Amino acid sequence: MPNSFSPAHRAFNISQAVVLLAWGAYGVYRDSLWVPGRRTSGGLLHGPSAWFVCAAMVVTAANLLTVVVDHYDTRNNEHQYRRFRNASQIVAWSLFLVGLVLSIVHNADQTLRATP
């Protein structure tokens, strides 16, 4: 039996995907991608680290849109959508962590150069 998701759930996923794509594209365009923090105001990513985090946002948007596609797909293949969602979560988190590590390494490198 195919999955059925409520219109509110589908609309929420579509809106979140659009926000992520716009946020990532704007951040890469400006070369200043803001990532919010839980206990801080967040941080700005530049260069390759911003690109990796933006790629994570694109993969996350694809993950969110999978629910919408799965709703309209009448075939009995939910296991394939679930597998894609699981794999895309792993890829998105990996890209995000690579972006953060690059940012930390880059900032540490600049700090070492600036120290007399």
N, C-alpha and C. Protein backbone atom coordinates (compact mmCIF):
# COMPACT_ATOMS: atom_id res chain seq x y z
N MET A 1 0.84 -1.19 0.00
CA MET A 1 0.00 0.00 0.00
C MET A 1 0.89 1.25 0.00
N PRO A 2 0.68 2.18 -0.91
CA PRO A 2 1.50 3.38 -1.00
C PRO A 2 1.29 4.29 0.20
N ASN A 3 2.34 5.07 0.49
CA ASN A 3 2.25 6.03 1.59
C ASN A 3 1.33 7.17 1.24
N SER A 4 0.72 7.74 2.27
CA SER A 4 -0.14 8.89 2.09
C SER A 4 0.23 9.92 3.16
N PHE A 5 0.60 11.12 2.74
CA PHE A 5 0.99 12.17 3.66
C PHE A 5 -0.03 13.30 3.57
N SER A 6 -0.27 13.95 4.69
CA SER A 6 -1.26 15.02 4.73
C SER A 6 -0.79 16.22 3.90
N PRO A 7 -1.73 17.02 3.40
CA PRO A 7 -1.34 18.22 2.65
C PRO A 7 -0.46 19.16 3.47
N ALA A 8 -0.71 19.25 4.76
CA ALA A 8 0.11 20.12 5.62
C ALA A 8 1.54 19.61 5.69
N HIS A 9 1.71 18.30 5.80
CA HIS A 9 3.04 17.70 5.85
C HIS A 9 3.80 17.95 4.53
N ARG A 10 3.11 17.75 3.43
CA ARG A 10 3.74 17.99 2.12
C ARG A 10 4.09 19.45 1.93
N ALA A 11 3.18 20.35 2.32
CA ALA A 11 3.44 21.79 2.18
C ALA A 11 4.61 22.21 3.07
N PHE A 12 4.68 21.66 4.27
CA PHE A 12 5.78 21.98 5.18
C PHE A 12 7.11 21.53 4.57
N ASN A 13 7.16 20.31 4.04
CA ASN A 13 8.40 19.81 3.45
C ASN A 13 8.81 20.62 2.23
N ILE A 14 7.85 20.99 1.40
CA ILE A 14 8.18 21.80 0.22
C ILE A 14 8.71 23.16 0.65
N SER A 15 8.05 23.80 1.61
CA SER A 15 8.50 25.12 2.05
C SER A 15 9.88 25.05 2.69
N GLN A 16 10.15 24.02 3.47
CA GLN A 16 11.46 23.88 4.08
C GLN A 16 12.54 23.63 3.03
N ALA A 17 12.22 22.85 2.01
CA ALA A 17 13.18 22.60 0.94
C ALA A 17 13.50 23.90 0.19
N VAL A 18 12.47 24.69 -0.08
CA VAL A 18 12.69 25.96 -0.79
C VAL A 18 13.53 26.90 0.06
N VAL A 19 13.25 26.97 1.36
CA VAL A 19 14.03 27.83 2.25
C VAL A 19 15.49 27.39 2.28
N LEU A 20 15.73 26.10 2.42
CA LEU A 20 17.11 25.60 2.44
C LEU A 20 17.85 25.91 1.15
N LEU A 21 17.19 25.69 0.02
CA LEU A 21 17.84 25.96 -1.26
C LEU A 21 18.13 27.44 -1.44
N ALA A 22 17.19 28.29 -1.08
CA ALA A 22 17.40 29.74 -1.21
C ALA A 22 18.48 30.22 -0.26
N TRP A 23 18.46 29.74 0.97
CA TRP A 23 19.44 30.13 1.99
C TRP A 23 20.84 29.71 1.55
N GLY A 24 20.98 28.48 1.09
CA GLY A 24 22.29 28.00 0.64
C GLY A 24 22.79 28.74 -0.59
N ALA A 25 21.91 28.96 -1.55
CA ALA A 25 22.31 29.65 -2.78
C ALA A 25 22.72 31.09 -2.48
N TYR A 26 21.96 31.76 -1.63
CA TYR A 26 22.29 33.14 -1.27
C TYR A 26 23.62 33.21 -0.51
N GLY A 27 23.82 32.27 0.41
CA GLY A 27 25.06 32.24 1.18
C GLY A 27 26.28 31.99 0.31
N VAL A 28 26.17 31.10 -0.65
CA VAL A 28 27.29 30.82 -1.55
C VAL A 28 27.50 32.00 -2.50
N TYR A 29 26.42 32.58 -2.96
CA TYR A 29 26.52 33.75 -3.85
C TYR A 29 27.26 34.89 -3.14
N ARG A 30 26.95 35.12 -1.87
CA ARG A 30 27.58 36.19 -1.10
C ARG A 30 28.91 35.76 -0.50
N ASP A 31 29.25 34.47 -0.62
CA ASP A 31 30.42 33.87 0.01
C ASP A 31 30.40 34.13 1.52
N SER A 32 29.23 34.02 2.08
CA SER A 32 29.06 34.22 3.52
C SER A 32 27.79 33.48 3.94
N LEU A 33 27.95 32.21 4.24
CA LEU A 33 26.81 31.37 4.60
C LEU A 33 26.70 31.31 6.12
N TRP A 34 25.61 31.84 6.66
CA TRP A 34 25.41 31.86 8.11
C TRP A 34 24.79 30.55 8.55
N VAL A 35 25.41 29.95 9.58
CA VAL A 35 24.91 28.72 10.17
C VAL A 35 24.54 29.04 11.61
N PRO A 36 23.27 28.91 11.98
CA PRO A 36 22.88 29.25 13.35
C PRO A 36 23.46 28.27 14.37
N GLY A 37 23.65 28.76 15.57
CA GLY A 37 24.15 27.92 16.65
C GLY A 37 23.07 27.69 17.69
N ARG A 38 23.23 26.66 18.45
CA ARG A 38 22.25 26.35 19.49
C ARG A 38 22.43 27.27 20.70
N ARG A 39 23.67 27.44 21.14
CA ARG A 39 23.94 28.26 22.32
C ARG A 39 24.61 29.58 21.98
N THR A 40 24.91 29.77 20.71
CA THR A 40 25.55 31.01 20.27
C THR A 40 24.73 31.61 19.13
N SER A 41 25.19 32.73 18.64
CA SER A 41 24.47 33.35 17.52
C SER A 41 24.79 32.66 16.20
N GLY A 42 25.73 31.73 16.20
CA GLY A 42 26.08 31.01 14.98
C GLY A 42 27.40 31.48 14.42
N GLY A 43 27.63 31.14 13.16
CA GLY A 43 28.89 31.51 12.54
C GLY A 43 28.73 31.64 11.04
N LEU A 44 29.70 32.31 10.44
CA LEU A 44 29.71 32.49 8.99
C LEU A 44 30.73 31.56 8.37
N LEU A 45 30.34 30.93 7.29
CA LEU A 45 31.24 30.06 6.54
C LEU A 45 31.56 30.71 5.21
N HIS A 46 32.80 30.57 4.79
CA HIS A 46 33.25 31.17 3.54
C HIS A 46 33.99 30.12 2.71
N GLY A 47 34.04 30.34 1.42
CA GLY A 47 34.82 29.48 0.53
C GLY A 47 34.33 28.05 0.48
N PRO A 48 35.29 27.11 0.47
CA PRO A 48 34.93 25.69 0.34
C PRO A 48 34.02 25.18 1.46
N SER A 49 34.19 25.69 2.67
CA SER A 49 33.32 25.22 3.75
C SER A 49 31.87 25.62 3.48
N ALA A 50 31.65 26.80 2.93
CA ALA A 50 30.28 27.22 2.58
C ALA A 50 29.72 26.34 1.47
N TRP A 51 30.56 25.96 0.52
CA TRP A 51 30.10 25.10 -0.57
C TRP A 51 29.69 23.73 -0.06
N PHE A 52 30.47 23.17 0.87
CA PHE A 52 30.11 21.85 1.42
C PHE A 52 28.81 21.91 2.20
N VAL A 53 28.63 22.96 3.00
CA VAL A 53 27.40 23.08 3.77
C VAL A 53 26.21 23.33 2.83
N CYS A 54 26.43 24.10 1.77
CA CYS A 54 25.37 24.32 0.79
C CYS A 54 25.00 23.00 0.10
N ALA A 55 26.00 22.18 -0.21
CA ALA A 55 25.71 20.87 -0.79
C ALA A 55 24.90 20.02 0.18
N ALA A 56 25.21 20.12 1.47
CA ALA A 56 24.42 19.40 2.48
C ALA A 56 22.98 19.90 2.48
N MET A 57 22.79 21.20 2.27
CA MET A 57 21.44 21.76 2.21
C MET A 57 20.68 21.24 1.00
N VAL A 58 21.35 21.09 -0.12
CA VAL A 58 20.72 20.57 -1.34
C VAL A 58 20.29 19.11 -1.11
N VAL A 59 21.15 18.32 -0.51
CA VAL A 59 20.82 16.92 -0.24
C VAL A 59 19.66 16.84 0.76
N THR A 60 19.67 17.72 1.75
CA THR A 60 18.57 17.74 2.72
C THR A 60 17.26 18.13 2.05
N ALA A 61 17.31 19.08 1.13
CA ALA A 61 16.11 19.47 0.39
C ALA A 61 15.58 18.28 -0.42
N ALA A 62 16.48 17.53 -1.04
CA ALA A 62 16.06 16.34 -1.78
C ALA A 62 15.41 15.33 -0.84
N ASN A 63 15.97 15.19 0.36
CA ASN A 63 15.39 14.31 1.37
C ASN A 63 13.98 14.75 1.72
N LEU A 64 13.78 16.04 1.93
CA LEU A 64 12.45 16.56 2.27
C LEU A 64 11.45 16.35 1.13
N LEU A 65 11.91 16.53 -0.09
CA LEU A 65 11.01 16.39 -1.24
C LEU A 65 10.67 14.94 -1.55
N THR A 66 11.45 14.02 -1.01
CA THR A 66 11.17 12.60 -1.20
C THR A 66 9.79 12.23 -0.64
N VAL A 67 9.41 12.86 0.46
CA VAL A 67 8.09 12.60 1.05
C VAL A 67 6.99 12.98 0.06
N VAL A 68 7.17 14.09 -0.62
CA VAL A 68 6.17 14.56 -1.58
C VAL A 68 6.09 13.61 -2.77
N VAL A 69 7.25 13.22 -3.29
CA VAL A 69 7.29 12.31 -4.43
C VAL A 69 6.69 10.96 -4.04
N ASP A 70 7.03 10.49 -2.84
CA ASP A 70 6.51 9.20 -2.37
C ASP A 70 4.98 9.24 -2.25
N HIS A 71 4.43 10.38 -1.87
CA HIS A 71 2.98 10.49 -1.74
C HIS A 71 2.28 10.27 -3.08
N TYR A 72 2.85 10.84 -4.14
CA TYR A 72 2.20 10.75 -5.45
C TYR A 72 2.58 9.48 -6.23
N ASP A 73 3.58 8.76 -5.77
CA ASP A 73 3.97 7.51 -6.41
C ASP A 73 3.06 6.40 -5.90
N THR A 74 2.28 5.83 -6.79
CA THR A 74 1.30 4.82 -6.37
C THR A 74 1.88 3.41 -6.32
N ARG A 75 3.12 3.24 -6.75
CA ARG A 75 3.73 1.92 -6.69
C ARG A 75 4.05 1.55 -5.24
N ASN A 76 4.15 0.29 -4.98
CA ASN A 76 4.46 -0.21 -3.65
C ASN A 76 5.98 -0.34 -3.50
N ASN A 77 6.65 0.80 -3.37
CA ASN A 77 8.11 0.80 -3.27
C ASN A 77 8.61 1.75 -2.16
N GLU A 78 7.90 1.75 -1.05
CA GLU A 78 8.26 2.63 0.07
C GLU A 78 9.65 2.32 0.60
N HIS A 79 10.07 1.04 0.51
CA HIS A 79 11.39 0.67 1.01
C HIS A 79 12.50 1.40 0.26
N GLN A 80 12.29 1.68 -1.03
CA GLN A 80 13.30 2.41 -1.80
C GLN A 80 13.36 3.88 -1.36
N TYR A 81 12.22 4.48 -1.09
CA TYR A 81 12.21 5.86 -0.59
C TYR A 81 12.85 5.94 0.79
N ARG A 82 12.56 4.95 1.63
CA ARG A 82 13.15 4.92 2.97
C ARG A 82 14.67 4.77 2.87
N ARG A 83 15.13 3.94 1.96
CA ARG A 83 16.57 3.75 1.77
C ARG A 83 17.22 5.04 1.27
N PHE A 84 16.54 5.74 0.34
CA PHE A 84 17.06 7.02 -0.15
C PHE A 84 17.11 8.05 0.98
N ARG A 85 16.06 8.10 1.78
CA ARG A 85 16.04 9.07 2.89
C ARG A 85 17.17 8.79 3.87
N ASN A 86 17.40 7.53 4.20
CA ASN A 86 18.48 7.18 5.12
C ASN A 86 19.84 7.52 4.53
N ALA A 87 20.05 7.18 3.26
CA ALA A 87 21.34 7.47 2.62
C ALA A 87 21.55 8.98 2.49
N SER A 88 20.51 9.72 2.15
CA SER A 88 20.68 11.16 1.98
C SER A 88 20.94 11.85 3.32
N GLN A 89 20.41 11.31 4.41
CA GLN A 89 20.74 11.87 5.72
C GLN A 89 22.21 11.67 6.05
N ILE A 90 22.73 10.51 5.74
CA ILE A 90 24.15 10.24 6.00
C ILE A 90 25.02 11.15 5.14
N VAL A 91 24.68 11.29 3.87
CA VAL A 91 25.45 12.16 2.98
C VAL A 91 25.38 13.61 3.43
N ALA A 92 24.19 14.08 3.79
CA ALA A 92 24.02 15.48 4.21
C ALA A 92 24.81 15.77 5.48
N TRP A 93 24.72 14.90 6.47
CA TRP A 93 25.48 15.13 7.70
C TRP A 93 26.98 15.06 7.44
N SER A 94 27.41 14.18 6.56
CA SER A 94 28.84 14.08 6.23
C SER A 94 29.33 15.35 5.56
N LEU A 95 28.57 15.86 4.58
CA LEU A 95 28.95 17.11 3.92
C LEU A 95 28.98 18.27 4.91
N PHE A 96 27.99 18.32 5.79
CA PHE A 96 27.93 19.38 6.80
C PHE A 96 29.16 19.33 7.70
N LEU A 97 29.52 18.14 8.17
CA LEU A 97 30.67 18.01 9.06
C LEU A 97 31.97 18.34 8.34
N VAL A 98 32.10 17.95 7.09
CA VAL A 98 33.30 18.31 6.31
C VAL A 98 33.40 19.83 6.19
N GLY A 99 32.27 20.50 5.92
CA GLY A 99 32.27 21.95 5.84
C GLY A 99 32.68 22.60 7.14
N LEU A 100 32.19 22.09 8.27
CA LEU A 100 32.57 22.65 9.57
C LEU A 100 34.04 22.41 9.88
N VAL A 101 34.53 21.21 9.59
CA VAL A 101 35.94 20.91 9.84
C VAL A 101 36.82 21.81 8.97
N LEU A 102 36.46 21.99 7.71
CA LEU A 102 37.22 22.89 6.84
C LEU A 102 37.24 24.31 7.40
N SER A 103 36.12 24.76 7.91
CA SER A 103 36.04 26.09 8.49
C SER A 103 36.93 26.20 9.71
N ILE A 104 36.92 25.20 10.57
CA ILE A 104 37.75 25.21 11.77
C ILE A 104 39.23 25.21 11.40
N VAL A 105 39.61 24.35 10.45
CA VAL A 105 41.00 24.27 10.03
C VAL A 105 41.42 25.59 9.38
N HIS A 106 40.58 26.15 8.55
CA HIS A 106 40.91 27.41 7.88
C HIS A 106 41.05 28.54 8.89
N ASN A 107 40.14 28.62 9.85
CA ASN A 107 40.22 29.66 10.89
C ASN A 107 41.43 29.47 11.77
N ALA A 108 41.78 28.24 12.11
CA ALA A 108 42.96 27.98 12.93
C ALA A 108 44.22 28.38 12.17
N ASP A 109 44.24 28.09 10.86
CA ASP A 109 45.38 28.45 10.03
C ASP A 109 45.55 29.97 9.98
N GLN A 110 44.46 30.69 9.84
CA GLN A 110 44.54 32.15 9.81
C GLN A 110 44.96 32.71 11.16
N THR A 111 44.50 32.10 12.24
CA THR A 111 44.88 32.55 13.57
C THR A 111 46.37 32.35 13.80
N LEU A 112 46.91 31.21 13.34
CA LEU A 112 48.34 30.95 13.50
C LEU A 112 49.17 31.95 12.68
N ARG A 113 48.70 32.31 11.51
CA ARG A 113 49.44 33.28 10.68
C ARG A 113 49.39 34.67 11.29
N ALA A 114 48.30 35.01 11.94
CA ALA A 114 48.14 36.37 12.48
C ALA A 114 48.90 36.56 13.79
N THR A 115 49.29 35.46 14.45
CA THR A 115 49.99 35.58 15.72
C THR A 115 51.44 35.94 15.46
N PRO A 116 51.95 36.97 16.17
CA PRO A 116 53.36 37.36 15.95
C PRO A 116 54.34 36.39 16.54
